[in-house]
Amino acid sequence: MHHGALRVLREITIGVPDFSVENYKLCKGCSLGKYTKFPFLASDNRSIGILDLIHIDVSGCMSYVSLGVYEYYVIFIDDYYRRTWIYFLKTKGEAFNCFKEFKSLVEK
């Protein structure tokens, strides 16, 4: 919580220590929370045809398991026209098999 909110909390509850402005020091977590990053530079490297460049991302270990007991997913994005395919995985080890399945699908 922000130090100003902690002062208000101290006034309406019991047991909260004094967080006066004199005792306030900016912590590393607060500094990083306010830190902003610059956007990526625009790239001229775009694919010139369908399926020339595919972006792949494996993500997962979700907080909640799906009804099919899937915890991970792999996503394929075509750079040319941004079409997206997603495959749900039970383990990360299934990602390569999904890639082979995706490759055979798009080659047809």
PDB file of N, CA and C in Angstrom:
ATOM      1  N   MET A   1       0.841  -1.188   0.000  1.00  0.00           N
ATOM      2  CA  MET A   1       0.000   0.000   0.000  1.00  0.00           C
ATOM      3  C   MET A   1       0.879   1.243   0.000  1.00  0.00           C
ATOM      4  N   HIS A   2       0.364   2.303  -0.538  1.00  0.00           N
ATOM      5  CA  HIS A   2       1.061   3.576  -0.546  1.00  0.00           C
ATOM      6  C   HIS A   2       1.138   4.103   0.889  1.00  0.00           C
ATOM      7  N   HIS A   3       2.212   4.838   1.210  1.00  0.00           N
ATOM      8  CA  HIS A   3       2.397   5.307   2.587  1.00  0.00           C
ATOM      9  C   HIS A   3       1.267   6.227   3.040  1.00  0.00           C
ATOM     10  N   GLY A   4       0.660   6.970   2.126  1.00  0.00           N
ATOM     11  CA  GLY A   4      -0.474   7.817   2.492  1.00  0.00           C
ATOM     12  C   GLY A   4      -1.672   6.990   2.904  1.00  0.00           C
ATOM     13  N   ALA A   5      -1.909   5.895   2.191  1.00  0.00           N
ATOM     14  CA  ALA A   5      -3.017   5.005   2.537  1.00  0.00           C
ATOM     15  C   ALA A   5      -2.755   4.310   3.867  1.00  0.00           C
ATOM     16  N   LEU A   6      -1.494   4.015   4.155  1.00  0.00           N
ATOM     17  CA  LEU A   6      -1.168   3.394   5.441  1.00  0.00           C
ATOM     18  C   LEU A   6      -1.445   4.340   6.604  1.00  0.00           C
ATOM     19  N   ARG A   7      -1.230   5.649   6.404  1.00  0.00           N
ATOM     20  CA  ARG A   7      -1.565   6.615   7.458  1.00  0.00           C
ATOM     21  C   ARG A   7      -3.060   6.627   7.724  1.00  0.00           C
ATOM     22  N   VAL A   8      -3.857   6.581   6.661  1.00  0.00           N
ATOM     23  CA  VAL A   8      -5.317   6.539   6.829  1.00  0.00           C
ATOM     24  C   VAL A   8      -5.719   5.243   7.520  1.00  0.00           C
ATOM     25  N   LEU A   9      -5.101   4.139   7.137  1.00  0.00           N
ATOM     26  CA  LEU A   9      -5.398   2.854   7.752  1.00  0.00           C
ATOM     27  C   LEU A   9      -5.083   2.883   9.247  1.00  0.00           C
ATOM     28  N   ARG A  10      -3.999   3.565   9.614  1.00  0.00           N
ATOM     29  CA  ARG A  10      -3.618   3.663  11.022  1.00  0.00           C
ATOM     30  C   ARG A  10      -4.667   4.420  11.828  1.00  0.00           C
ATOM     31  N   GLU A  11      -5.314   5.410  11.202  1.00  0.00           N
ATOM     32  CA  GLU A  11      -6.328   6.194  11.901  1.00  0.00           C
ATOM     33  C   GLU A  11      -7.608   5.406  12.144  1.00  0.00           C
ATOM     34  N   ILE A  12      -7.915   4.434  11.295  1.00  0.00           N
ATOM     35  CA  ILE A  12      -9.189   3.727  11.444  1.00  0.00           C
ATOM     36  C   ILE A  12      -9.032   2.325  12.036  1.00  0.00           C
ATOM     37  N   THR A  13      -7.801   1.863  12.262  1.00  0.00           N
ATOM     38  CA  THR A  13      -7.589   0.549  12.856  1.00  0.00           C
ATOM     39  C   THR A  13      -6.601   0.636  13.997  1.00  0.00           C
ATOM     40  N   ILE A  14      -6.418  -0.472  14.685  1.00  0.00           N
ATOM     41  CA  ILE A  14      -5.495  -0.548  15.818  1.00  0.00           C
ATOM     42  C   ILE A  14      -4.340  -1.472  15.440  1.00  0.00           C
ATOM     43  N   GLY A  15      -3.127  -1.091  15.814  1.00  0.00           N
ATOM     44  CA  GLY A  15      -1.974  -1.953  15.642  1.00  0.00           C
ATOM     45  C   GLY A  15      -1.123  -1.686  14.410  1.00  0.00           C
ATOM     46  N   VAL A  16      -1.499  -0.718  13.589  1.00  0.00           N
ATOM     47  CA  VAL A  16      -0.688  -0.388  12.426  1.00  0.00           C
ATOM     48  C   VAL A  16       0.398   0.591  12.863  1.00  0.00           C
ATOM     49  N   PRO A  17       1.684   0.313  12.572  1.00  0.00           N
ATOM     50  CA  PRO A  17       2.756   1.222  12.999  1.00  0.00           C
ATOM     51  C   PRO A  17       2.661   2.578  12.300  1.00  0.00           C
ATOM     52  N   ASP A  18       3.347   3.562  12.880  1.00  0.00           N
ATOM     53  CA  ASP A  18       3.339   4.921  12.340  1.00  0.00           C
ATOM     54  C   ASP A  18       4.176   4.978  11.070  1.00  0.00           C
ATOM     55  N   PHE A  19       3.552   5.401   9.984  1.00  0.00           N
ATOM     56  CA  PHE A  19       4.230   5.571   8.702  1.00  0.00           C
ATOM     57  C   PHE A  19       4.189   7.041   8.331  1.00  0.00           C
ATOM     58  N   SER A  20       4.925   7.835   9.063  1.00  0.00           N
ATOM     59  CA  SER A  20       4.930   9.262   8.758  1.00  0.00           C
ATOM     60  C   SER A  20       5.850   9.526   7.567  1.00  0.00           C
ATOM     61  N   VAL A  21       5.719  10.719   6.985  1.00  0.00           N
ATOM     62  CA  VAL A  21       6.516  11.079   5.812  1.00  0.00           C
ATOM     63  C   VAL A  21       7.999  11.083   6.163  1.00  0.00           C
ATOM     64  N   GLU A  22       8.354  11.421   7.377  1.00  0.00           N
ATOM     65  CA  GLU A  22       9.764  11.462   7.765  1.00  0.00           C
ATOM     66  C   GLU A  22      10.387  10.066   7.750  1.00  0.00           C
ATOM     67  N   ASN A  23       9.591   9.041   8.073  1.00  0.00           N
ATOM     68  CA  ASN A  23      10.111   7.674   8.114  1.00  0.00           C
ATOM     69  C   ASN A  23       9.985   6.966   6.769  1.00  0.00           C
ATOM     70  N   TYR A  24       9.424   7.641   5.808  1.00  0.00           N
ATOM     71  CA  TYR A  24       9.148   7.007   4.521  1.00  0.00           C
ATOM     72  C   TYR A  24      10.406   6.959   3.666  1.00  0.00           C
ATOM     73  N   LYS A  25      10.737   5.773   3.218  1.00  0.00           N
ATOM     74  CA  LYS A  25      11.836   5.576   2.271  1.00  0.00           C
ATOM     75  C   LYS A  25      11.281   4.769   1.109  1.00  0.00           C
ATOM     76  N   LEU A  26      11.653   5.134  -0.086  1.00  0.00           N
ATOM     77  CA  LEU A  26      11.155   4.461  -1.267  1.00  0.00           C
ATOM     78  C   LEU A  26      11.808   3.083  -1.373  1.00  0.00           C
ATOM     79  N   CYS A  27      10.981   2.044  -1.359  1.00  0.00           N
ATOM     80  CA  CYS A  27      11.525   0.686  -1.433  1.00  0.00           C
ATOM     81  C   CYS A  27      11.759   0.288  -2.892  1.00  0.00           C
ATOM     82  N   LYS A  28      12.563  -0.736  -3.083  1.00  0.00           N
ATOM     83  CA  LYS A  28      12.913  -1.187  -4.424  1.00  0.00           C
ATOM     84  C   LYS A  28      11.674  -1.680  -5.181  1.00  0.00           C
ATOM     85  N   GLY A  29      10.768  -2.383  -4.493  1.00  0.00           N
ATOM     86  CA  GLY A  29       9.547  -2.880  -5.127  1.00  0.00           C
ATOM     87  C   GLY A  29       8.663  -1.759  -5.637  1.00  0.00           C
ATOM     88  N   CYS A  30       8.547  -0.676  -4.847  1.00  0.00           N
ATOM     89  CA  CYS A  30       7.745   0.467  -5.290  1.00  0.00           C
ATOM     90  C   CYS A  30       8.376   1.133  -6.510  1.00  0.00           C
ATOM     91  N   SER A  31       9.694   1.239  -6.497  1.00  0.00           N
ATOM     92  CA  SER A  31      10.382   1.851  -7.636  1.00  0.00           C
ATOM     93  C   SER A  31      10.191   1.028  -8.903  1.00  0.00           C
ATOM     94  N   LEU A  32      10.323  -0.289  -8.785  1.00  0.00           N
ATOM     95  CA  LEU A  32      10.157  -1.140  -9.949  1.00  0.00           C
ATOM     96  C   LEU A  32       8.709  -1.162 -10.428  1.00  0.00           C
ATOM     97  N   GLY A  33       7.765  -1.026  -9.516  1.00  0.00           N
ATOM     98  CA  GLY A  33       6.361  -0.999  -9.888  1.00  0.00           C
ATOM     99  C   GLY A  33       5.988   0.230 -10.686  1.00  0.00           C
ATOM    100  N   LYS A  34       6.697   1.306 -10.486  1.00  0.00           N
ATOM    101  CA  LYS A  34       6.437   2.542 -11.213  1.00  0.00           C
ATOM    102  C   LYS A  34       7.297   2.678 -12.467  1.00  0.00           C
ATOM    103  N   TYR A  35       8.209   1.747 -12.679  1.00  0.00           N
ATOM    104  CA  TYR A  35       9.137   1.783 -13.800  1.00  0.00           C
ATOM    105  C   TYR A  35       8.389   1.460 -15.086  1.00  0.00           C
ATOM    106  N   THR A  36       8.621   2.229 -16.108  1.00  0.00           N
ATOM    107  CA  THR A  36       8.009   1.962 -17.410  1.00  0.00           C
ATOM    108  C   THR A  36       9.102   1.636 -18.408  1.00  0.00           C
ATOM    109  N   LYS A  37       8.781   0.754 -19.321  1.00  0.00           N
ATOM    110  CA  LYS A  37       9.738   0.356 -20.352  1.00  0.00           C
ATOM    111  C   LYS A  37       9.377   1.045 -21.655  1.00  0.00           C
ATOM    112  N   PHE A  38      10.380   1.279 -22.464  1.00  0.00           N
ATOM    113  CA  PHE A  38      10.148   1.843 -23.779  1.00  0.00           C
ATOM    114  C   PHE A  38       9.632   0.749 -24.705  1.00  0.00           C
ATOM    115  N   PRO A  39       8.762   1.073 -25.644  1.00  0.00           N
ATOM    116  CA  PRO A  39       8.261   0.053 -26.568  1.00  0.00           C
ATOM    117  C   PRO A  39       9.375  -0.414 -27.501  1.00  0.00           C
ATOM    118  N   PHE A  40       9.186  -1.602 -28.053  1.00  0.00           N
ATOM    119  CA  PHE A  40      10.149  -2.116 -29.019  1.00  0.00           C
ATOM    120  C   PHE A  40      10.159  -1.224 -30.250  1.00  0.00           C
ATOM    121  N   LEU A  41      11.312  -1.104 -30.855  1.00  0.00           N
ATOM    122  CA  LEU A  41      11.417  -0.333 -32.088  1.00  0.00           C
ATOM    123  C   LEU A  41      10.679  -1.050 -33.212  1.00  0.00           C
ATOM    124  N   ALA A  42      10.134  -0.287 -34.129  1.00  0.00           N
ATOM    125  CA  ALA A  42       9.443  -0.881 -35.268  1.00  0.00           C
ATOM    126  C   ALA A  42      10.440  -1.664 -36.106  1.00  0.00           C
ATOM    127  N   SER A  43      10.011  -2.802 -36.581  1.00  0.00           N
ATOM    128  CA  SER A  43      10.889  -3.674 -37.356  1.00  0.00           C
ATOM    129  C   SER A  43      10.470  -3.662 -38.819  1.00  0.00           C
ATOM    130  N   ASP A  44      11.457  -3.641 -39.684  1.00  0.00           N
ATOM    131  CA  ASP A  44      11.187  -3.734 -41.115  1.00  0.00           C
ATOM    132  C   ASP A  44      11.206  -5.183 -41.584  1.00  0.00           C
ATOM    133  N   ASN A  45      11.529  -6.095 -40.687  1.00  0.00           N
ATOM    134  CA  ASN A  45      11.627  -7.506 -41.041  1.00  0.00           C
ATOM    135  C   ASN A  45      10.259  -8.171 -40.919  1.00  0.00           C
ATOM    136  N   ARG A  46       9.448  -8.006 -41.938  1.00  0.00           N
ATOM    137  CA  ARG A  46       8.147  -8.660 -41.987  1.00  0.00           C
ATOM    138  C   ARG A  46       8.203  -9.728 -43.064  1.00  0.00           C
ATOM    139  N   SER A  47       7.438 -10.775 -42.862  1.00  0.00           N
ATOM    140  CA  SER A  47       7.416 -11.817 -43.882  1.00  0.00           C
ATOM    141  C   SER A  47       6.692 -11.305 -45.122  1.00  0.00           C
ATOM    142  N   ILE A  48       7.055 -11.850 -46.257  1.00  0.00           N
ATOM    143  CA  ILE A  48       6.462 -11.388 -47.521  1.00  0.00           C
ATOM    144  C   ILE A  48       5.427 -12.368 -48.061  1.00  0.00           C
ATOM    145  N   GLY A  49       5.197 -13.445 -47.346  1.00  0.00           N
ATOM    146  CA  GLY A  49       4.211 -14.420 -47.796  1.00  0.00           C
ATOM    147  C   GLY A  49       3.640 -15.206 -46.631  1.00  0.00           C
ATOM    148  N   ILE A  50       2.541 -15.881 -46.908  1.00  0.00           N
ATOM    149  CA  ILE A  50       1.867 -16.674 -45.894  1.00  0.00           C
ATOM    150  C   ILE A  50       2.790 -17.807 -45.435  1.00  0.00           C
ATOM    151  N   LEU A  51       2.894 -17.972 -44.122  1.00  0.00           N
ATOM    152  CA  LEU A  51       3.670 -19.023 -43.467  1.00  0.00           C
ATOM    153  C   LEU A  51       5.172 -18.924 -43.696  1.00  0.00           C
ATOM    154  N   ASP A  52       5.678 -17.757 -44.093  1.00  0.00           N
ATOM    155  CA  ASP A  52       7.124 -17.560 -44.205  1.00  0.00           C
ATOM    156  C   ASP A  52       7.784 -17.481 -42.831  1.00  0.00           C
ATOM    157  N   LEU A  53       7.087 -16.880 -41.885  1.00  0.00           N
ATOM    158  CA  LEU A  53       7.616 -16.720 -40.535  1.00  0.00           C
ATOM    159  C   LEU A  53       6.506 -17.019 -39.537  1.00  0.00           C
ATOM    160  N   ILE A  54       6.777 -17.963 -38.638  1.00  0.00           N
ATOM    161  CA  ILE A  54       5.805 -18.365 -37.622  1.00  0.00           C
ATOM    162  C   ILE A  54       6.408 -18.063 -36.250  1.00  0.00           C
ATOM    163  N   HIS A  55       5.655 -17.362 -35.414  1.00  0.00           N
ATOM    164  CA  HIS A  55       6.054 -17.114 -34.026  1.00  0.00           C
ATOM    165  C   HIS A  55       5.412 -18.201 -33.162  1.00  0.00           C
ATOM    166  N   ILE A  56       6.207 -18.794 -32.272  1.00  0.00           N
ATOM    167  CA  ILE A  56       5.732 -19.891 -31.437  1.00  0.00           C
ATOM    168  C   ILE A  56       5.994 -19.534 -29.979  1.00  0.00           C
ATOM    169  N   ASP A  57       5.002 -19.787 -29.132  1.00  0.00           N
ATOM    170  CA  ASP A  57       5.153 -19.536 -27.707  1.00  0.00           C
ATOM    171  C   ASP A  57       4.508 -20.671 -26.927  1.00  0.00           C
ATOM    172  N   VAL A  58       5.267 -21.242 -26.002  1.00  0.00           N
ATOM    173  CA  VAL A  58       4.740 -22.265 -25.099  1.00  0.00           C
ATOM    174  C   VAL A  58       4.568 -21.590 -23.752  1.00  0.00           C
ATOM    175  N   SER A  59       3.393 -21.714 -23.198  1.00  0.00           N
ATOM    176  CA  SER A  59       3.118 -21.066 -21.921  1.00  0.00           C
ATOM    177  C   SER A  59       2.308 -22.010 -21.061  1.00  0.00           C
ATOM    178  N   GLY A  60       2.290 -21.704 -19.788  1.00  0.00           N
ATOM    179  CA  GLY A  60       1.449 -22.549 -18.977  1.00  0.00           C
ATOM    180  C   GLY A  60       1.792 -22.611 -17.525  1.00  0.00           C
ATOM    181  N   CYS A  61       1.524 -23.789 -16.991  1.00  0.00           N
ATOM    182  CA  CYS A  61       1.459 -24.046 -15.563  1.00  0.00           C
ATOM    183  C   CYS A  61       0.437 -23.075 -14.961  1.00  0.00           C
ATOM    184  N   MET A  62      -0.763 -23.167 -15.503  1.00  0.00           N
ATOM    185  CA  MET A  62      -1.850 -22.276 -15.123  1.00  0.00           C
ATOM    186  C   MET A  62      -2.255 -22.487 -13.665  1.00  0.00           C
ATOM    187  N   SER A  63      -2.864 -21.483 -13.096  1.00  0.00           N
ATOM    188  CA  SER A  63      -3.341 -21.571 -11.714  1.00  0.00           C
ATOM    189  C   SER A  63      -4.444 -22.607 -11.575  1.00  0.00           C
ATOM    190  N   TYR A  64      -5.264 -22.718 -12.622  1.00  0.00           N
ATOM    191  CA  TYR A  64      -6.372 -23.663 -12.596  1.00  0.00           C
ATOM    192  C   TYR A  64      -6.237 -24.614 -13.775  1.00  0.00           C
ATOM    193  N   VAL A  65      -6.476 -25.877 -13.528  1.00  0.00           N
ATOM    194  CA  VAL A  65      -6.422 -26.886 -14.581  1.00  0.00           C
ATOM    195  C   VAL A  65      -7.773 -26.888 -15.285  1.00  0.00           C
ATOM    196  N   SER A  66      -7.769 -27.039 -16.622  1.00  0.00           N
ATOM    197  CA  SER A  66      -9.017 -27.041 -17.386  1.00  0.00           C
ATOM    198  C   SER A  66      -9.769 -28.355 -17.159  1.00  0.00           C
ATOM    199  N   LEU A  67     -10.964 -28.423 -17.709  1.00  0.00           N
ATOM    200  CA  LEU A  67     -11.767 -29.643 -17.580  1.00  0.00           C
ATOM    201  C   LEU A  67     -11.089 -30.838 -18.244  1.00  0.00           C
ATOM    202  N   GLY A  68     -10.324 -30.597 -19.285  1.00  0.00           N
ATOM    203  CA  GLY A  68      -9.589 -31.668 -19.953  1.00  0.00           C
ATOM    204  C   GLY A  68      -8.240 -31.940 -19.322  1.00  0.00           C
ATOM    205  N   VAL A  69      -7.965 -31.381 -18.174  1.00  0.00           N
ATOM    206  CA  VAL A  69      -6.720 -31.508 -17.411  1.00  0.00           C
ATOM    207  C   VAL A  69      -5.529 -30.947 -18.189  1.00  0.00           C
ATOM    208  N   TYR A  70      -5.744 -29.854 -18.909  1.00  0.00           N
ATOM    209  CA  TYR A  70      -4.668 -29.187 -19.641  1.00  0.00           C
ATOM    210  C   TYR A  70      -4.101 -28.064 -18.783  1.00  0.00           C
ATOM    211  N   GLU A  71      -2.776 -28.045 -18.650  1.00  0.00           N
ATOM    212  CA  GLU A  71      -2.115 -27.013 -17.856  1.00  0.00           C
ATOM    213  C   GLU A  71      -1.282 -26.062 -18.709  1.00  0.00           C
ATOM    214  N   TYR A  72      -0.978 -26.430 -19.935  1.00  0.00           N
ATOM    215  CA  TYR A  72      -0.101 -25.638 -20.797  1.00  0.00           C
ATOM    216  C   TYR A  72      -0.772 -25.421 -22.146  1.00  0.00           C
ATOM    217  N   TYR A  73      -0.204 -24.522 -22.931  1.00  0.00           N
ATOM    218  CA  TYR A  73      -0.647 -24.357 -24.309  1.00  0.00           C
ATOM    219  C   TYR A  73       0.521 -23.892 -25.157  1.00  0.00           C
ATOM    220  N   VAL A  74       0.428 -24.195 -26.449  1.00  0.00           N
ATOM    221  CA  VAL A  74       1.397 -23.703 -27.424  1.00  0.00           C
ATOM    222  C   VAL A  74       0.594 -22.932 -28.463  1.00  0.00           C
ATOM    223  N   ILE A  75       1.114 -21.777 -28.834  1.00  0.00           N
ATOM    224  CA  ILE A  75       0.418 -20.910 -29.785  1.00  0.00           C
ATOM    225  C   ILE A  75       1.331 -20.646 -30.968  1.00  0.00           C
ATOM    226  N   PHE A  76       0.770 -20.719 -32.160  1.00  0.00           N
ATOM    227  CA  PHE A  76       1.485 -20.469 -33.410  1.00  0.00           C
ATOM    228  C   PHE A  76       0.837 -19.263 -34.079  1.00  0.00           C
ATOM    229  N   ILE A  77       1.637 -18.268 -34.449  1.00  0.00           N
ATOM    230  CA  ILE A  77       1.115 -17.055 -35.082  1.00  0.00           C
ATOM    231  C   ILE A  77       1.865 -16.820 -36.386  1.00  0.00           C
ATOM    232  N   ASP A  78       1.103 -16.735 -37.473  1.00  0.00           N
ATOM    233  CA  ASP A  78       1.691 -16.437 -38.778  1.00  0.00           C
ATOM    234  C   ASP A  78       1.988 -14.941 -38.843  1.00  0.00           C
ATOM    235  N   ASP A  79       3.230 -14.585 -39.140  1.00  0.00           N
ATOM    236  CA  ASP A  79       3.648 -13.188 -39.155  1.00  0.00           C
ATOM    237  C   ASP A  79       2.991 -12.396 -40.285  1.00  0.00           C
ATOM    238  N   TYR A  80       2.672 -13.054 -41.390  1.00  0.00           N
ATOM    239  CA  TYR A  80       2.158 -12.328 -42.558  1.00  0.00           C
ATOM    240  C   TYR A  80       0.731 -11.824 -42.344  1.00  0.00           C
ATOM    241  N   TYR A  81      -0.153 -12.701 -41.948  1.00  0.00           N
ATOM    242  CA  TYR A  81      -1.531 -12.232 -41.791  1.00  0.00           C
ATOM    243  C   TYR A  81      -2.098 -12.485 -40.394  1.00  0.00           C
ATOM    244  N   ARG A  82      -1.234 -12.788 -39.433  1.00  0.00           N
ATOM    245  CA  ARG A  82      -1.563 -12.871 -38.011  1.00  0.00           C
ATOM    246  C   ARG A  82      -2.611 -13.924 -37.663  1.00  0.00           C
ATOM    247  N   ARG A  83      -2.716 -14.952 -38.468  1.00  0.00           N
ATOM    248  CA  ARG A  83      -3.607 -16.044 -38.117  1.00  0.00           C
ATOM    249  C   ARG A  83      -2.979 -16.808 -36.965  1.00  0.00           C
ATOM    250  N   THR A  84      -3.811 -17.266 -36.046  1.00  0.00           N
ATOM    251  CA  THR A  84      -3.335 -17.890 -34.820  1.00  0.00           C
ATOM    252  C   THR A  84      -3.916 -19.287 -34.662  1.00  0.00           C
ATOM    253  N   TRP A  85      -3.073 -20.226 -34.253  1.00  0.00           N
ATOM    254  CA  TRP A  85      -3.490 -21.574 -33.912  1.00  0.00           C
ATOM    255  C   TRP A  85      -3.048 -21.835 -32.486  1.00  0.00           C
ATOM    256  N   ILE A  86      -3.893 -22.485 -31.700  1.00  0.00           N
ATOM    257  CA  ILE A  86      -3.549 -22.795 -30.308  1.00  0.00           C
ATOM    258  C   ILE A  86      -3.821 -24.267 -30.051  1.00  0.00           C
ATOM    259  N   TYR A  87      -2.894 -24.906 -29.362  1.00  0.00           N
ATOM    260  CA  TYR A  87      -3.024 -26.300 -28.964  1.00  0.00           C
ATOM    261  C   TYR A  87      -2.861 -26.362 -27.451  1.00  0.00           C
ATOM    262  N   PHE A  88      -3.725 -27.100 -26.798  1.00  0.00           N
ATOM    263  CA  PHE A  88      -3.653 -27.244 -25.350  1.00  0.00           C
ATOM    264  C   PHE A  88      -2.876 -28.501 -25.004  1.00  0.00           C
ATOM    265  N   LEU A  89      -2.035 -28.398 -23.978  1.00  0.00           N
ATOM    266  CA  LEU A  89      -1.111 -29.471 -23.616  1.00  0.00           C
ATOM    267  C   LEU A  89      -1.309 -29.886 -22.167  1.00  0.00           C
ATOM    268  N   LYS A  90      -1.083 -31.157 -21.894  1.00  0.00           N
ATOM    269  CA  LYS A  90      -1.095 -31.630 -20.507  1.00  0.00           C
ATOM    270  C   LYS A  90       0.289 -31.469 -19.881  1.00  0.00           C
ATOM    271  N   THR A  91       1.337 -31.603 -20.704  1.00  0.00           N
ATOM    272  CA  THR A  91       2.711 -31.384 -20.249  1.00  0.00           C
ATOM    273  C   THR A  91       3.453 -30.582 -21.315  1.00  0.00           C
ATOM    274  N   LYS A  92       4.525 -29.932 -20.917  1.00  0.00           N
ATOM    275  CA  LYS A  92       5.325 -29.176 -21.883  1.00  0.00           C
ATOM    276  C   LYS A  92       5.995 -30.084 -22.899  1.00  0.00           C
ATOM    277  N   GLY A  93       6.204 -31.318 -22.531  1.00  0.00           N
ATOM    278  CA  GLY A  93       6.848 -32.273 -23.417  1.00  0.00           C
ATOM    279  C   GLY A  93       6.052 -32.565 -24.687  1.00  0.00           C
ATOM    280  N   GLU A  94       4.772 -32.240 -24.689  1.00  0.00           N
ATOM    281  CA  GLU A  94       3.923 -32.463 -25.860  1.00  0.00           C
ATOM    282  C   GLU A  94       4.091 -31.377 -26.921  1.00  0.00           C
ATOM    283  N   ALA A  95       4.859 -30.342 -26.646  1.00  0.00           N
ATOM    284  CA  ALA A  95       4.973 -29.191 -27.551  1.00  0.00           C
ATOM    285  C   ALA A  95       5.559 -29.587 -28.906  1.00  0.00           C
ATOM    286  N   PHE A  96       6.562 -30.444 -28.918  1.00  0.00           N
ATOM    287  CA  PHE A  96       7.175 -30.822 -30.196  1.00  0.00           C
ATOM    288  C   PHE A  96       6.203 -31.625 -31.054  1.00  0.00           C
ATOM    289  N   ASN A  97       5.416 -32.503 -30.422  1.00  0.00           N
ATOM    290  CA  ASN A  97       4.410 -33.264 -31.180  1.00  0.00           C
ATOM    291  C   ASN A  97       3.353 -32.320 -31.757  1.00  0.00           C
ATOM    292  N   CYS A  98       2.993 -31.278 -31.021  1.00  0.00           N
ATOM    293  CA  CYS A  98       2.043 -30.277 -31.531  1.00  0.00           C
ATOM    294  C   CYS A  98       2.649 -29.524 -32.705  1.00  0.00           C
ATOM    295  N   PHE A  99       3.947 -29.250 -32.630  1.00  0.00           N
ATOM    296  CA  PHE A  99       4.600 -28.584 -33.747  1.00  0.00           C
ATOM    297  C   PHE A  99       4.554 -29.451 -34.995  1.00  0.00           C
ATOM    298  N   LYS A 100       4.831 -30.750 -34.843  1.00  0.00           N
ATOM    299  CA  LYS A 100       4.778 -31.650 -36.002  1.00  0.00           C
ATOM    300  C   LYS A 100       3.354 -31.711 -36.559  1.00  0.00           C
ATOM    301  N   GLU A 101       2.355 -31.736 -35.683  1.00  0.00           N
ATOM    302  CA  GLU A 101       0.961 -31.746 -36.128  1.00  0.00           C
ATOM    303  C   GLU A 101       0.612 -30.444 -36.851  1.00  0.00           C
ATOM    304  N   PHE A 102       1.062 -29.311 -36.293  1.00  0.00           N
ATOM    305  CA  PHE A 102       0.814 -28.013 -36.917  1.00  0.00           C
ATOM    306  C   PHE A 102       1.495 -27.939 -38.289  1.00  0.00           C
ATOM    307  N   LYS A 103       2.734 -28.398 -38.374  1.00  0.00           N
ATOM    308  CA  LYS A 103       3.484 -28.365 -39.628  1.00  0.00           C
ATOM    309  C   LYS A 103       2.779 -29.183 -40.705  1.00  0.00           C
ATOM    310  N   SER A 104       2.309 -30.367 -40.359  1.00  0.00           N
ATOM    311  CA  SER A 104       1.604 -31.182 -41.354  1.00  0.00           C
ATOM    312  C   SER A 104       0.269 -30.523 -41.744  1.00  0.00           C
ATOM    313  N   LEU A 105      -0.382 -29.841 -40.816  1.00  0.00           N
ATOM    314  CA  LEU A 105      -1.644 -29.154 -41.113  1.00  0.00           C
ATOM    315  C   LEU A 105      -1.442 -28.029 -42.122  1.00  0.00           C
ATOM    316  N   VAL A 106      -0.431 -27.192 -41.908  1.00  0.00           N
ATOM    317  CA  VAL A 106      -0.253 -26.030 -42.771  1.00  0.00           C
ATOM    318  C   VAL A 106       0.404 -26.379 -44.106  1.00  0.00           C
ATOM    319  N   GLU A 107       1.074 -27.526 -44.176  1.00  0.00           N
ATOM    320  CA  GLU A 107       1.674 -27.929 -45.440  1.00  0.00           C
ATOM    321  C   GLU A 107       0.653 -28.488 -46.416  1.00  0.00           C
ATOM    322  N   LYS A 108      -0.519 -28.869 -45.934  1.00  0.00           N
ATOM    323  CA  LYS A 108      -1.555 -29.423 -46.831  1.00  0.00           C
ATOM    324  C   LYS A 108      -2.211 -28.354 -47.656  1.00  0.00           C
TER     325      LYS A 108
END
